[in-house]
Each structure stands twice: as C-alpha cells, then as structure tokens.
Amino acid sequence: MGFSHYKVVAYHKNNPPFDQLLPLTLDKALFEKISLAKKTFISILSLVGNTIPLEKLVRIHINQKGIKISQGNELQGCPYQVLDIVRDFDVNHGLNLRVLHWWGRGAFLFIYFGSQHPKLQATENLYSWIKENSFNLCKGNLWDYKRIIDEKKIILSENIERDQLIEHLKSETPFQIIKPIPIVDRPTFEHNLVKEITEALTWMDAKHI
C-alpha cells in the first residue's frame, strides 16, 4: 500500500491543545456515525442520479460525460459529497449541474455554463429563469467554495438586475449559479433534489433557447 506525501502542518497558536484533540481520535462510536452519515448522503445522491435518463442528457448536451459521484474529507477541513451531471467543463461550450453537500454548510445546486453556451445567448430568457427559480449568481471562480458559500460572494436572486447580468456575461468570471437546497428530512431532501434537477434539465431541453 502506498502512502500520500503531505506537507508538514505548522502548529498555530489558536489551535486547540493536543489533549483536547486526542479524545476525538479515540471516539470509535463518533467515527462510526460519521461514516454512516457519509454513506447515507452517497446513497441519496445515487438515488437522485439514477432518476436521470441518459438519453435526456445526450439530447441536452452531446458532449455529456454522464453522471459521477465523488466525496472527500478536506474541503476547508470538512467532508463533502458531490453529484455531477453532464460533466463537461469546457470554458466555451461546457455544461454541468453539481449537487454539493458540504458538512457544516448544507446542500447546494450549482449550474455551470461555458461562456458561449446557447443558453447564455438569450439573456432575457436566462434572466427570467434565474429569477423565477431563485438562483443566485456566483461571483467567484468555479471551485472557490470558500468565497462563494462561506464569504457569500454571490448576488442574491432578488437583487440581480438585467444590466448586471449582461455585464457579468461580458466579464471573465465563469458563469455559475447556485441555489441552497434545505435538508429537513431524507424524503423531502430527495424529492427537492429531483425536482430542482428535473426542472433545470427540462429548461435546458426546451426547443426555444
């Protein structure tokens, strides 16, 4: 078995003392619960992903690469689970829908369009859909979740103006919108994820731009 090489982490004076951290590493029941919670969210994302017909993705985006679920433990020190749909990150013509469940923050639906994607060319239709579906406009880079979520580098849906959207489309900032998905209980969460993704894909699949 190989081991990854990590940079040495310098001790910071604001870090809790070692004797406070050690009990956490010995709490077997805690880690079993954490493991179960991770598996539960992966199960939810798998269920949601399985509701999406592949032929619909092909029709919407010929260069689609299907659906993928991934996870990790160190996004700003917290675990995360991800469901990616379409998975084309081309800067010009790409498209992706991403469900991010980030521990300590919640669940979010991101939609990314490459700068020349047809859906970005009909500004009025785009503007109306964003407003009607309560999506916020991201001001940071695609993967900069600390700025987008923690620092709220977004323009709230109710504050987005047409001229503002047009200027954003002209800028070098990748076009990405975000919507929080509340987690109340598992059935409601699953239902809301399927609903939001289905509505977004239906809009993308529409004959008109």
N, C-alpha and C. Protein backbone atom coordinates (compact mmCIF):
# COMPACT_ATOMS: atom_id res chain seq x y z
N MET A 1 0.85 -1.19 0.00
CA MET A 1 0.00 0.00 0.00
C MET A 1 0.88 1.24 0.00
N GLY A 2 0.62 2.18 -0.93
CA GLY A 2 1.38 3.42 -0.97
C GLY A 2 0.78 4.46 -0.06
N PHE A 3 1.59 5.42 0.29
CA PHE A 3 1.14 6.50 1.16
C PHE A 3 1.33 7.83 0.45
N SER A 4 0.36 8.72 0.62
CA SER A 4 0.48 10.06 0.06
C SER A 4 1.43 10.88 0.91
N HIS A 5 2.16 11.78 0.28
CA HIS A 5 3.07 12.65 0.99
C HIS A 5 2.37 13.97 1.28
N TYR A 6 2.30 14.35 2.53
CA TYR A 6 1.65 15.59 2.94
C TYR A 6 2.70 16.58 3.42
N LYS A 7 2.43 17.84 3.16
CA LYS A 7 3.28 18.89 3.70
C LYS A 7 3.13 18.92 5.22
N VAL A 8 4.21 19.24 5.89
CA VAL A 8 4.15 19.36 7.34
C VAL A 8 3.26 20.54 7.70
N VAL A 9 2.30 20.30 8.59
CA VAL A 9 1.37 21.35 9.01
C VAL A 9 1.94 22.04 10.23
N ALA A 10 2.16 23.34 10.11
CA ALA A 10 2.72 24.10 11.22
C ALA A 10 1.68 24.27 12.32
N TYR A 11 2.12 24.21 13.55
CA TYR A 11 1.22 24.41 14.67
C TYR A 11 0.84 25.88 14.76
N HIS A 12 -0.43 26.14 14.94
CA HIS A 12 -0.93 27.51 15.06
C HIS A 12 -1.35 27.75 16.51
N LYS A 13 -1.00 28.91 17.02
CA LYS A 13 -1.26 29.18 18.43
C LYS A 13 -2.75 29.15 18.78
N ASN A 14 -3.62 29.32 17.76
CA ASN A 14 -5.06 29.29 18.02
C ASN A 14 -5.65 27.89 17.96
N ASN A 15 -4.82 26.91 17.58
CA ASN A 15 -5.31 25.53 17.54
C ASN A 15 -5.59 25.03 18.96
N PRO A 16 -6.61 24.17 19.10
CA PRO A 16 -6.85 23.57 20.43
C PRO A 16 -5.64 22.75 20.87
N PRO A 17 -5.38 22.66 22.14
CA PRO A 17 -4.26 21.85 22.62
C PRO A 17 -4.46 20.37 22.30
N PHE A 18 -3.36 19.67 22.17
CA PHE A 18 -3.39 18.26 21.79
C PHE A 18 -4.27 17.43 22.71
N ASP A 19 -4.23 17.71 24.00
CA ASP A 19 -5.00 16.89 24.94
C ASP A 19 -6.50 17.06 24.78
N GLN A 20 -6.92 18.13 24.07
CA GLN A 20 -8.34 18.28 23.75
C GLN A 20 -8.71 17.55 22.46
N LEU A 21 -7.74 17.42 21.56
CA LEU A 21 -7.98 16.76 20.28
C LEU A 21 -7.90 15.24 20.39
N LEU A 22 -7.04 14.75 21.25
CA LEU A 22 -6.82 13.31 21.36
C LEU A 22 -8.09 12.52 21.64
N PRO A 23 -8.97 12.95 22.56
CA PRO A 23 -10.18 12.16 22.82
C PRO A 23 -11.05 11.95 21.58
N LEU A 24 -11.03 12.92 20.67
CA LEU A 24 -11.81 12.76 19.44
C LEU A 24 -11.32 11.57 18.64
N THR A 25 -10.01 11.40 18.57
CA THR A 25 -9.43 10.32 17.77
C THR A 25 -9.70 8.95 18.38
N LEU A 26 -10.09 8.92 19.64
CA LEU A 26 -10.35 7.66 20.34
C LEU A 26 -11.83 7.33 20.44
N ASP A 27 -12.66 8.22 19.89
CA ASP A 27 -14.12 8.04 19.99
C ASP A 27 -14.61 7.20 18.82
N LYS A 28 -14.53 5.90 18.96
CA LYS A 28 -14.90 4.97 17.89
C LYS A 28 -16.36 5.15 17.46
N ALA A 29 -17.25 5.32 18.40
CA ALA A 29 -18.68 5.47 18.08
C ALA A 29 -18.92 6.72 17.23
N LEU A 30 -18.20 7.78 17.54
CA LEU A 30 -18.34 9.01 16.77
C LEU A 30 -17.97 8.79 15.31
N PHE A 31 -16.85 8.12 15.07
CA PHE A 31 -16.41 7.91 13.70
C PHE A 31 -17.29 6.91 12.95
N GLU A 32 -17.88 5.98 13.66
CA GLU A 32 -18.83 5.07 13.03
C GLU A 32 -20.07 5.83 12.57
N LYS A 33 -20.52 6.79 13.38
CA LYS A 33 -21.67 7.61 12.99
C LYS A 33 -21.32 8.51 11.81
N ILE A 34 -20.13 9.06 11.82
CA ILE A 34 -19.69 9.91 10.70
C ILE A 34 -19.64 9.09 9.42
N SER A 35 -19.10 7.88 9.50
CA SER A 35 -19.03 7.00 8.33
C SER A 35 -20.42 6.68 7.80
N LEU A 36 -21.35 6.39 8.72
CA LEU A 36 -22.72 6.09 8.32
C LEU A 36 -23.38 7.29 7.66
N ALA A 37 -23.13 8.48 8.20
CA ALA A 37 -23.70 9.70 7.61
C ALA A 37 -23.18 9.92 6.20
N LYS A 38 -21.89 9.69 5.98
CA LYS A 38 -21.31 9.83 4.64
C LYS A 38 -21.98 8.86 3.67
N LYS A 39 -22.11 7.60 4.10
CA LYS A 39 -22.72 6.59 3.24
C LYS A 39 -24.17 6.93 2.93
N THR A 40 -24.86 7.51 3.90
CA THR A 40 -26.26 7.88 3.69
C THR A 40 -26.38 8.95 2.62
N PHE A 41 -25.52 9.95 2.66
CA PHE A 41 -25.60 11.01 1.65
C PHE A 41 -25.17 10.50 0.28
N ILE A 42 -24.20 9.59 0.23
CA ILE A 42 -23.84 8.98 -1.04
C ILE A 42 -25.02 8.19 -1.60
N SER A 43 -25.75 7.51 -0.72
CA SER A 43 -26.94 6.76 -1.13
C SER A 43 -28.00 7.69 -1.70
N ILE A 44 -28.19 8.83 -1.06
CA ILE A 44 -29.18 9.81 -1.54
C ILE A 44 -28.78 10.32 -2.92
N LEU A 45 -27.52 10.69 -3.09
CA LEU A 45 -27.06 11.21 -4.38
C LEU A 45 -27.16 10.15 -5.47
N SER A 46 -26.89 8.89 -5.10
CA SER A 46 -27.02 7.79 -6.07
C SER A 46 -28.46 7.63 -6.51
N LEU A 47 -29.37 7.67 -5.56
CA LEU A 47 -30.80 7.56 -5.88
C LEU A 47 -31.23 8.68 -6.82
N VAL A 48 -30.81 9.90 -6.51
CA VAL A 48 -31.17 11.05 -7.34
C VAL A 48 -30.58 10.91 -8.73
N GLY A 49 -29.31 10.53 -8.81
CA GLY A 49 -28.67 10.37 -10.10
C GLY A 49 -29.33 9.32 -10.97
N ASN A 50 -29.84 8.26 -10.34
CA ASN A 50 -30.48 7.18 -11.09
C ASN A 50 -31.83 7.57 -11.67
N THR A 51 -32.38 8.71 -11.27
CA THR A 51 -33.66 9.15 -11.83
C THR A 51 -33.48 9.88 -13.16
N ILE A 52 -32.24 10.16 -13.55
CA ILE A 52 -31.99 10.98 -14.74
C ILE A 52 -31.71 10.08 -15.94
N PRO A 53 -32.56 10.11 -16.97
CA PRO A 53 -32.36 9.27 -18.15
C PRO A 53 -31.14 9.72 -18.95
N LEU A 54 -30.29 8.78 -19.32
CA LEU A 54 -29.09 9.11 -20.09
C LEU A 54 -29.45 9.75 -21.43
N GLU A 55 -30.53 9.26 -22.05
CA GLU A 55 -30.90 9.81 -23.36
C GLU A 55 -31.26 11.29 -23.27
N LYS A 56 -31.77 11.70 -22.12
CA LYS A 56 -32.09 13.12 -21.94
C LYS A 56 -30.81 13.95 -21.88
N LEU A 57 -29.80 13.43 -21.20
CA LEU A 57 -28.52 14.14 -21.13
C LEU A 57 -27.88 14.25 -22.51
N VAL A 58 -27.96 13.18 -23.29
CA VAL A 58 -27.41 13.19 -24.65
C VAL A 58 -28.12 14.23 -25.50
N ARG A 59 -29.43 14.30 -25.35
CA ARG A 59 -30.23 15.26 -26.13
C ARG A 59 -29.89 16.70 -25.73
N ILE A 60 -29.67 16.92 -24.46
CA ILE A 60 -29.38 18.26 -23.96
C ILE A 60 -27.97 18.70 -24.31
N HIS A 61 -27.01 17.77 -24.21
CA HIS A 61 -25.60 18.15 -24.39
C HIS A 61 -24.85 16.97 -24.99
N ILE A 62 -24.53 17.07 -26.26
CA ILE A 62 -23.95 15.95 -26.99
C ILE A 62 -22.62 15.50 -26.40
N ASN A 63 -21.89 16.42 -25.78
CA ASN A 63 -20.59 16.08 -25.19
C ASN A 63 -20.68 15.68 -23.72
N GLN A 64 -21.88 15.32 -23.30
CA GLN A 64 -22.05 14.93 -21.89
C GLN A 64 -21.20 13.71 -21.56
N LYS A 65 -20.74 13.66 -20.33
CA LYS A 65 -19.91 12.55 -19.86
C LYS A 65 -20.61 11.76 -18.75
N GLY A 66 -21.95 11.88 -18.71
CA GLY A 66 -22.70 11.08 -17.76
C GLY A 66 -22.77 11.68 -16.37
N ILE A 67 -22.91 10.80 -15.41
CA ILE A 67 -23.12 11.19 -14.02
C ILE A 67 -22.02 10.58 -13.16
N LYS A 68 -21.55 11.34 -12.19
CA LYS A 68 -20.48 10.86 -11.33
C LYS A 68 -20.70 11.33 -9.90
N ILE A 69 -20.44 10.44 -8.95
CA ILE A 69 -20.50 10.79 -7.53
C ILE A 69 -19.09 10.72 -6.95
N SER A 70 -18.73 11.73 -6.19
CA SER A 70 -17.41 11.75 -5.56
C SER A 70 -17.55 12.29 -4.14
N GLN A 71 -16.49 12.14 -3.37
CA GLN A 71 -16.51 12.63 -1.99
C GLN A 71 -15.09 12.87 -1.51
N GLY A 72 -14.99 13.60 -0.43
CA GLY A 72 -13.69 13.89 0.17
C GLY A 72 -13.87 14.34 1.61
N ASN A 73 -12.75 14.61 2.26
CA ASN A 73 -12.80 14.94 3.69
C ASN A 73 -12.21 16.30 4.04
N GLU A 74 -11.56 16.97 3.07
CA GLU A 74 -10.81 18.16 3.43
C GLU A 74 -11.16 19.36 2.56
N LEU A 75 -12.42 19.70 2.48
CA LEU A 75 -12.83 20.96 1.86
C LEU A 75 -12.96 21.97 2.99
N GLN A 76 -11.95 22.81 3.13
CA GLN A 76 -11.87 23.72 4.28
C GLN A 76 -12.02 22.96 5.60
N GLY A 77 -11.41 21.76 5.63
CA GLY A 77 -11.39 20.98 6.85
C GLY A 77 -12.63 20.15 7.10
N CYS A 78 -13.57 20.12 6.16
CA CYS A 78 -14.83 19.41 6.36
C CYS A 78 -15.10 18.41 5.24
N PRO A 79 -15.80 17.31 5.53
CA PRO A 79 -16.18 16.35 4.50
C PRO A 79 -17.17 16.95 3.50
N TYR A 80 -17.24 16.31 2.33
CA TYR A 80 -18.21 16.74 1.31
C TYR A 80 -18.56 15.55 0.42
N GLN A 81 -19.75 15.61 -0.16
CA GLN A 81 -20.20 14.65 -1.16
C GLN A 81 -20.71 15.43 -2.37
N VAL A 82 -20.45 14.90 -3.57
CA VAL A 82 -20.77 15.63 -4.80
C VAL A 82 -21.46 14.71 -5.80
N LEU A 83 -22.50 15.23 -6.45
CA LEU A 83 -23.13 14.58 -7.60
C LEU A 83 -22.96 15.51 -8.79
N ASP A 84 -22.23 15.07 -9.82
CA ASP A 84 -22.06 15.85 -11.04
C ASP A 84 -22.88 15.24 -12.16
N ILE A 85 -23.57 16.10 -12.90
CA ILE A 85 -24.44 15.68 -14.00
C ILE A 85 -24.02 16.43 -15.25
N VAL A 86 -23.75 15.73 -16.33
CA VAL A 86 -23.27 16.22 -17.64
C VAL A 86 -21.74 16.23 -17.67
N ARG A 87 -21.09 16.95 -16.76
CA ARG A 87 -19.65 16.86 -16.55
C ARG A 87 -18.81 17.32 -17.74
N ASP A 88 -19.24 18.37 -18.40
CA ASP A 88 -18.42 18.99 -19.45
C ASP A 88 -18.01 20.37 -18.94
N PHE A 89 -16.74 20.52 -18.60
CA PHE A 89 -16.26 21.76 -18.00
C PHE A 89 -15.50 22.64 -19.00
N ASP A 90 -15.75 22.41 -20.28
CA ASP A 90 -15.13 23.25 -21.31
C ASP A 90 -15.48 24.72 -21.06
N VAL A 91 -14.47 25.60 -21.15
CA VAL A 91 -14.70 27.01 -20.80
C VAL A 91 -15.60 27.72 -21.79
N ASN A 92 -15.72 27.20 -23.01
CA ASN A 92 -16.55 27.85 -24.02
C ASN A 92 -17.94 27.26 -24.13
N HIS A 93 -18.02 25.94 -24.23
CA HIS A 93 -19.32 25.31 -24.52
C HIS A 93 -19.77 24.33 -23.43
N GLY A 94 -19.10 24.31 -22.32
CA GLY A 94 -19.38 23.31 -21.29
C GLY A 94 -20.71 23.49 -20.57
N LEU A 95 -21.08 22.45 -19.83
CA LEU A 95 -22.31 22.46 -19.03
C LEU A 95 -22.14 21.44 -17.90
N ASN A 96 -22.53 21.82 -16.71
CA ASN A 96 -22.53 20.87 -15.60
C ASN A 96 -23.53 21.30 -14.54
N LEU A 97 -24.19 20.31 -13.97
CA LEU A 97 -25.02 20.52 -12.78
C LEU A 97 -24.34 19.79 -11.64
N ARG A 98 -24.15 20.46 -10.54
CA ARG A 98 -23.46 19.86 -9.40
C ARG A 98 -24.27 20.03 -8.13
N VAL A 99 -24.52 18.91 -7.46
CA VAL A 99 -25.07 18.95 -6.10
C VAL A 99 -23.89 18.78 -5.16
N LEU A 100 -23.68 19.76 -4.30
CA LEU A 100 -22.62 19.70 -3.30
C LEU A 100 -23.24 19.66 -1.91
N HIS A 101 -22.96 18.59 -1.19
CA HIS A 101 -23.32 18.55 0.24
C HIS A 101 -22.03 18.76 1.01
N TRP A 102 -21.95 19.88 1.67
CA TRP A 102 -20.72 20.28 2.37
C TRP A 102 -21.02 20.34 3.86
N TRP A 103 -20.38 19.50 4.61
CA TRP A 103 -20.64 19.41 6.05
C TRP A 103 -20.38 20.75 6.72
N GLY A 104 -21.29 21.11 7.59
CA GLY A 104 -21.18 22.38 8.30
C GLY A 104 -21.81 23.53 7.54
N ARG A 105 -22.20 23.29 6.27
CA ARG A 105 -22.80 24.36 5.46
C ARG A 105 -24.17 23.97 4.93
N GLY A 106 -24.31 22.76 4.41
CA GLY A 106 -25.58 22.32 3.85
C GLY A 106 -25.42 21.80 2.43
N ALA A 107 -26.52 21.79 1.69
CA ALA A 107 -26.54 21.27 0.32
C ALA A 107 -26.85 22.40 -0.66
N PHE A 108 -26.22 22.32 -1.83
CA PHE A 108 -26.36 23.38 -2.83
C PHE A 108 -26.40 22.77 -4.22
N LEU A 109 -27.19 23.39 -5.10
CA LEU A 109 -27.21 23.01 -6.51
C LEU A 109 -26.50 24.10 -7.30
N PHE A 110 -25.45 23.73 -8.02
CA PHE A 110 -24.72 24.64 -8.90
C PHE A 110 -25.03 24.30 -10.35
N ILE A 111 -25.14 25.31 -11.19
CA ILE A 111 -25.25 25.10 -12.63
C ILE A 111 -24.18 25.95 -13.31
N TYR A 112 -23.36 25.29 -14.12
CA TYR A 112 -22.27 25.96 -14.84
C TYR A 112 -22.53 25.92 -16.34
N PHE A 113 -22.33 27.06 -17.00
CA PHE A 113 -22.38 27.15 -18.46
C PHE A 113 -21.06 27.72 -18.97
N GLY A 114 -20.51 27.12 -20.04
CA GLY A 114 -19.37 27.72 -20.72
C GLY A 114 -19.77 29.06 -21.33
N SER A 115 -18.80 29.93 -21.57
CA SER A 115 -19.08 31.32 -21.95
C SER A 115 -19.85 31.46 -23.26
N GLN A 116 -19.80 30.44 -24.14
CA GLN A 116 -20.50 30.53 -25.42
C GLN A 116 -21.69 29.55 -25.50
N HIS A 117 -22.10 29.04 -24.37
CA HIS A 117 -23.23 28.10 -24.37
C HIS A 117 -24.49 28.82 -24.86
N PRO A 118 -25.31 28.15 -25.69
CA PRO A 118 -26.51 28.79 -26.24
C PRO A 118 -27.44 29.38 -25.20
N LYS A 119 -27.53 28.78 -24.02
CA LYS A 119 -28.44 29.30 -23.00
C LYS A 119 -28.03 30.68 -22.50
N LEU A 120 -26.78 31.04 -22.71
CA LEU A 120 -26.32 32.36 -22.26
C LEU A 120 -26.54 33.43 -23.32
N GLN A 121 -26.95 33.01 -24.51
CA GLN A 121 -27.10 33.98 -25.60
C GLN A 121 -28.45 34.68 -25.55
N ALA A 122 -29.46 34.02 -25.01
CA ALA A 122 -30.80 34.62 -24.88
C ALA A 122 -30.93 35.18 -23.47
N THR A 123 -30.45 36.40 -23.31
CA THR A 123 -30.33 36.98 -21.97
C THR A 123 -31.65 37.09 -21.25
N GLU A 124 -32.70 37.48 -21.96
CA GLU A 124 -34.00 37.69 -21.31
C GLU A 124 -34.55 36.37 -20.75
N ASN A 125 -34.43 35.31 -21.55
CA ASN A 125 -34.90 34.00 -21.10
C ASN A 125 -34.08 33.52 -19.91
N LEU A 126 -32.77 33.72 -19.98
CA LEU A 126 -31.88 33.34 -18.89
C LEU A 126 -32.22 34.12 -17.62
N TYR A 127 -32.39 35.41 -17.77
CA TYR A 127 -32.70 36.28 -16.63
C TYR A 127 -34.01 35.84 -15.97
N SER A 128 -35.03 35.59 -16.78
CA SER A 128 -36.33 35.19 -16.25
C SER A 128 -36.24 33.87 -15.51
N TRP A 129 -35.51 32.91 -16.09
CA TRP A 129 -35.43 31.59 -15.46
C TRP A 129 -34.69 31.66 -14.12
N ILE A 130 -33.60 32.40 -14.09
CA ILE A 130 -32.84 32.55 -12.84
C ILE A 130 -33.72 33.16 -11.75
N LYS A 131 -34.46 34.20 -12.10
CA LYS A 131 -35.29 34.89 -11.12
C LYS A 131 -36.45 34.00 -10.66
N GLU A 132 -37.11 33.35 -11.61
CA GLU A 132 -38.27 32.52 -11.28
C GLU A 132 -37.90 31.31 -10.42
N ASN A 133 -36.67 30.84 -10.57
CA ASN A 133 -36.24 29.64 -9.84
C ASN A 133 -35.31 29.96 -8.67
N SER A 134 -35.17 31.24 -8.36
CA SER A 134 -34.45 31.70 -7.16
C SER A 134 -33.00 31.24 -7.09
N PHE A 135 -32.30 31.31 -8.23
CA PHE A 135 -30.88 31.02 -8.25
C PHE A 135 -30.08 32.30 -8.00
N ASN A 136 -28.99 32.16 -7.26
CA ASN A 136 -28.08 33.27 -7.01
C ASN A 136 -26.91 33.20 -7.99
N LEU A 137 -26.34 34.34 -8.29
CA LEU A 137 -25.25 34.43 -9.26
C LEU A 137 -23.90 34.42 -8.54
N CYS A 138 -23.04 33.46 -8.90
CA CYS A 138 -21.73 33.35 -8.26
C CYS A 138 -20.77 34.39 -8.82
N LYS A 139 -20.01 35.00 -7.93
CA LYS A 139 -19.02 35.99 -8.34
C LYS A 139 -17.60 35.46 -8.28
N GLY A 140 -17.42 34.28 -7.71
CA GLY A 140 -16.08 33.70 -7.59
C GLY A 140 -15.80 32.67 -8.67
N ASN A 141 -14.61 32.08 -8.63
CA ASN A 141 -14.25 31.03 -9.56
C ASN A 141 -15.05 29.76 -9.27
N LEU A 142 -15.05 28.84 -10.24
CA LEU A 142 -15.92 27.66 -10.16
C LEU A 142 -15.75 26.87 -8.86
N TRP A 143 -14.52 26.65 -8.44
CA TRP A 143 -14.29 25.75 -7.32
C TRP A 143 -14.01 26.50 -6.02
N ASP A 144 -14.16 27.79 -6.03
CA ASP A 144 -13.82 28.59 -4.84
C ASP A 144 -15.00 28.64 -3.88
N TYR A 145 -15.30 27.48 -3.29
CA TYR A 145 -16.49 27.38 -2.44
C TYR A 145 -16.35 28.19 -1.16
N LYS A 146 -15.14 28.40 -0.70
CA LYS A 146 -14.96 29.22 0.49
C LYS A 146 -15.49 30.63 0.24
N ARG A 147 -15.14 31.20 -0.91
CA ARG A 147 -15.61 32.55 -1.22
C ARG A 147 -17.10 32.55 -1.55
N ILE A 148 -17.55 31.57 -2.33
CA ILE A 148 -18.94 31.55 -2.78
C ILE A 148 -19.90 31.28 -1.62
N ILE A 149 -19.58 30.30 -0.79
CA ILE A 149 -20.50 29.88 0.27
C ILE A 149 -20.18 30.54 1.60
N ASP A 150 -18.94 30.40 2.05
CA ASP A 150 -18.59 30.95 3.37
C ASP A 150 -18.60 32.47 3.37
N GLU A 151 -18.02 33.07 2.32
CA GLU A 151 -17.92 34.52 2.27
C GLU A 151 -19.06 35.17 1.48
N LYS A 152 -19.96 34.32 0.96
CA LYS A 152 -21.16 34.78 0.25
C LYS A 152 -20.83 35.74 -0.89
N LYS A 153 -19.86 35.33 -1.74
CA LYS A 153 -19.52 36.11 -2.92
C LYS A 153 -20.50 35.76 -4.03
N ILE A 154 -21.73 36.18 -3.81
CA ILE A 154 -22.82 35.92 -4.75
C ILE A 154 -23.69 37.18 -4.85
N ILE A 155 -24.50 37.20 -5.89
CA ILE A 155 -25.55 38.21 -5.99
C ILE A 155 -26.87 37.47 -5.79
N LEU A 156 -27.59 37.80 -4.75
CA LEU A 156 -28.84 37.12 -4.46
C LEU A 156 -29.83 37.29 -5.60
N SER A 157 -30.63 36.27 -5.81
CA SER A 157 -31.58 36.26 -6.93
C SER A 157 -32.43 37.52 -6.99
N GLU A 158 -32.95 37.94 -5.83
CA GLU A 158 -33.85 39.09 -5.81
C GLU A 158 -33.13 40.40 -6.12
N ASN A 159 -31.79 40.38 -6.07
CA ASN A 159 -31.02 41.60 -6.33
C ASN A 159 -30.40 41.66 -7.72
N ILE A 160 -30.55 40.59 -8.49
CA ILE A 160 -29.96 40.56 -9.83
C ILE A 160 -30.77 41.45 -10.78
N GLU A 161 -30.09 42.38 -11.43
CA GLU A 161 -30.71 43.25 -12.43
C GLU A 161 -30.28 42.81 -13.83
N ARG A 162 -31.08 43.12 -14.83
CA ARG A 162 -30.76 42.73 -16.20
C ARG A 162 -29.39 43.24 -16.63
N ASP A 163 -29.15 44.52 -16.41
CA ASP A 163 -27.87 45.11 -16.81
C ASP A 163 -26.71 44.46 -16.08
N GLN A 164 -26.94 44.10 -14.84
CA GLN A 164 -25.92 43.44 -14.03
C GLN A 164 -25.58 42.07 -14.61
N LEU A 165 -26.61 41.34 -15.03
CA LEU A 165 -26.41 40.03 -15.64
C LEU A 165 -25.64 40.15 -16.95
N ILE A 166 -26.00 41.14 -17.75
CA ILE A 166 -25.32 41.36 -19.03
C ILE A 166 -23.84 41.66 -18.81
N GLU A 167 -23.55 42.51 -17.85
CA GLU A 167 -22.15 42.84 -17.55
C GLU A 167 -21.39 41.62 -17.05
N HIS A 168 -22.06 40.80 -16.25
CA HIS A 168 -21.43 39.58 -15.75
C HIS A 168 -21.09 38.64 -16.91
N LEU A 169 -21.99 38.54 -17.87
CA LEU A 169 -21.76 37.68 -19.03
C LEU A 169 -20.59 38.17 -19.87
N LYS A 170 -20.34 39.45 -19.86
CA LYS A 170 -19.22 40.03 -20.63
C LYS A 170 -17.89 39.88 -19.90
N SER A 171 -17.94 39.60 -18.62
CA SER A 171 -16.72 39.54 -17.82
C SER A 171 -15.99 38.22 -18.01
N GLU A 172 -14.82 38.12 -17.38
CA GLU A 172 -14.02 36.89 -17.45
C GLU A 172 -14.45 35.86 -16.40
N THR A 173 -15.38 36.24 -15.54
CA THR A 173 -15.82 35.33 -14.47
C THR A 173 -16.63 34.18 -15.06
N PRO A 174 -16.31 32.92 -14.73
CA PRO A 174 -17.11 31.79 -15.22
C PRO A 174 -18.57 31.96 -14.81
N PHE A 175 -19.48 31.54 -15.71
CA PHE A 175 -20.90 31.71 -15.40
C PHE A 175 -21.39 30.51 -14.59
N GLN A 176 -21.74 30.78 -13.36
CA GLN A 176 -22.23 29.73 -12.47
C GLN A 176 -23.29 30.31 -11.54
N ILE A 177 -24.37 29.57 -11.37
CA ILE A 177 -25.43 29.98 -10.46
C ILE A 177 -25.56 28.93 -9.36
N ILE A 178 -26.11 29.34 -8.23
CA ILE A 178 -26.17 28.47 -7.06
C ILE A 178 -27.50 28.64 -6.35
N LYS A 179 -28.01 27.52 -5.83
CA LYS A 179 -29.25 27.55 -5.06
C LYS A 179 -29.12 26.62 -3.85
N PRO A 180 -29.34 27.11 -2.65
CA PRO A 180 -29.33 26.23 -1.48
C PRO A 180 -30.53 25.27 -1.53
N ILE A 181 -30.30 24.03 -1.12
CA ILE A 181 -31.37 23.03 -1.04
C ILE A 181 -31.52 22.65 0.43
N PRO A 182 -32.60 23.06 1.07
CA PRO A 182 -32.77 22.77 2.51
C PRO A 182 -32.81 21.27 2.79
N ILE A 183 -32.27 20.89 3.94
CA ILE A 183 -32.33 19.50 4.39
C ILE A 183 -33.16 19.45 5.66
N VAL A 184 -34.39 18.95 5.53
CA VAL A 184 -35.29 18.82 6.68
C VAL A 184 -35.34 17.35 7.11
N ASP A 185 -35.62 16.50 6.15
CA ASP A 185 -35.60 15.05 6.37
C ASP A 185 -35.23 14.40 5.05
N ARG A 186 -34.93 13.11 5.08
CA ARG A 186 -34.44 12.45 3.88
C ARG A 186 -35.45 12.46 2.73
N PRO A 187 -36.71 12.04 2.93
CA PRO A 187 -37.65 12.03 1.81
C PRO A 187 -37.82 13.41 1.15
N THR A 188 -37.94 14.45 1.97
CA THR A 188 -38.13 15.80 1.43
C THR A 188 -36.88 16.25 0.68
N PHE A 189 -35.72 15.94 1.23
CA PHE A 189 -34.46 16.33 0.58
C PHE A 189 -34.33 15.64 -0.78
N GLU A 190 -34.59 14.34 -0.83
CA GLU A 190 -34.52 13.60 -2.09
C GLU A 190 -35.51 14.18 -3.10
N HIS A 191 -36.74 14.43 -2.65
CA HIS A 191 -37.77 14.98 -3.53
C HIS A 191 -37.35 16.33 -4.10
N ASN A 192 -36.83 17.20 -3.24
CA ASN A 192 -36.45 18.54 -3.68
C ASN A 192 -35.28 18.50 -4.66
N LEU A 193 -34.32 17.61 -4.42
CA LEU A 193 -33.20 17.48 -5.35
C LEU A 193 -33.69 17.04 -6.72
N VAL A 194 -34.51 16.00 -6.75
CA VAL A 194 -35.04 15.50 -8.03
C VAL A 194 -35.84 16.60 -8.73
N LYS A 195 -36.66 17.30 -7.98
CA LYS A 195 -37.49 18.37 -8.54
C LYS A 195 -36.63 19.48 -9.16
N GLU A 196 -35.64 19.95 -8.42
CA GLU A 196 -34.80 21.06 -8.90
C GLU A 196 -34.00 20.64 -10.13
N ILE A 197 -33.43 19.45 -10.10
CA ILE A 197 -32.63 18.98 -11.23
C ILE A 197 -33.51 18.75 -12.45
N THR A 198 -34.67 18.14 -12.24
CA THR A 198 -35.59 17.89 -13.35
C THR A 198 -36.04 19.19 -14.01
N GLU A 199 -36.37 20.18 -13.20
CA GLU A 199 -36.80 21.47 -13.75
C GLU A 199 -35.68 22.14 -14.54
N ALA A 200 -34.46 22.05 -14.04
CA ALA A 200 -33.33 22.64 -14.75
C ALA A 200 -33.08 21.93 -16.08
N LEU A 201 -33.11 20.60 -16.07
CA LEU A 201 -32.88 19.84 -17.30
C LEU A 201 -34.01 20.05 -18.30
N THR A 202 -35.23 20.19 -17.81
CA THR A 202 -36.37 20.45 -18.70
C THR A 202 -36.19 21.79 -19.40
N TRP A 203 -35.75 22.80 -18.67
CA TRP A 203 -35.48 24.11 -19.27
C TRP A 203 -34.38 24.01 -20.32
N MET A 204 -33.32 23.26 -20.02
CA MET A 204 -32.22 23.11 -20.97
C MET A 204 -32.64 22.32 -22.20
N ASP A 205 -33.63 21.44 -22.02
CA ASP A 205 -34.09 20.57 -23.10
C ASP A 205 -35.15 21.23 -23.97
N ALA A 206 -35.60 22.42 -23.56
CA ALA A 206 -36.67 23.10 -24.29
C ALA A 206 -36.21 23.47 -25.70
N LYS A 207 -37.16 23.50 -26.63
CA LYS A 207 -36.84 23.81 -28.02
C LYS A 207 -36.32 25.23 -28.16
N HIS A 208 -36.98 26.15 -27.43
CA HIS A 208 -36.52 27.54 -27.50
C HIS A 208 -35.33 27.72 -26.58
N ILE A 209 -34.47 28.67 -26.92
CA ILE A 209 -33.29 28.94 -26.12
C ILE A 209 -33.66 29.74 -24.90
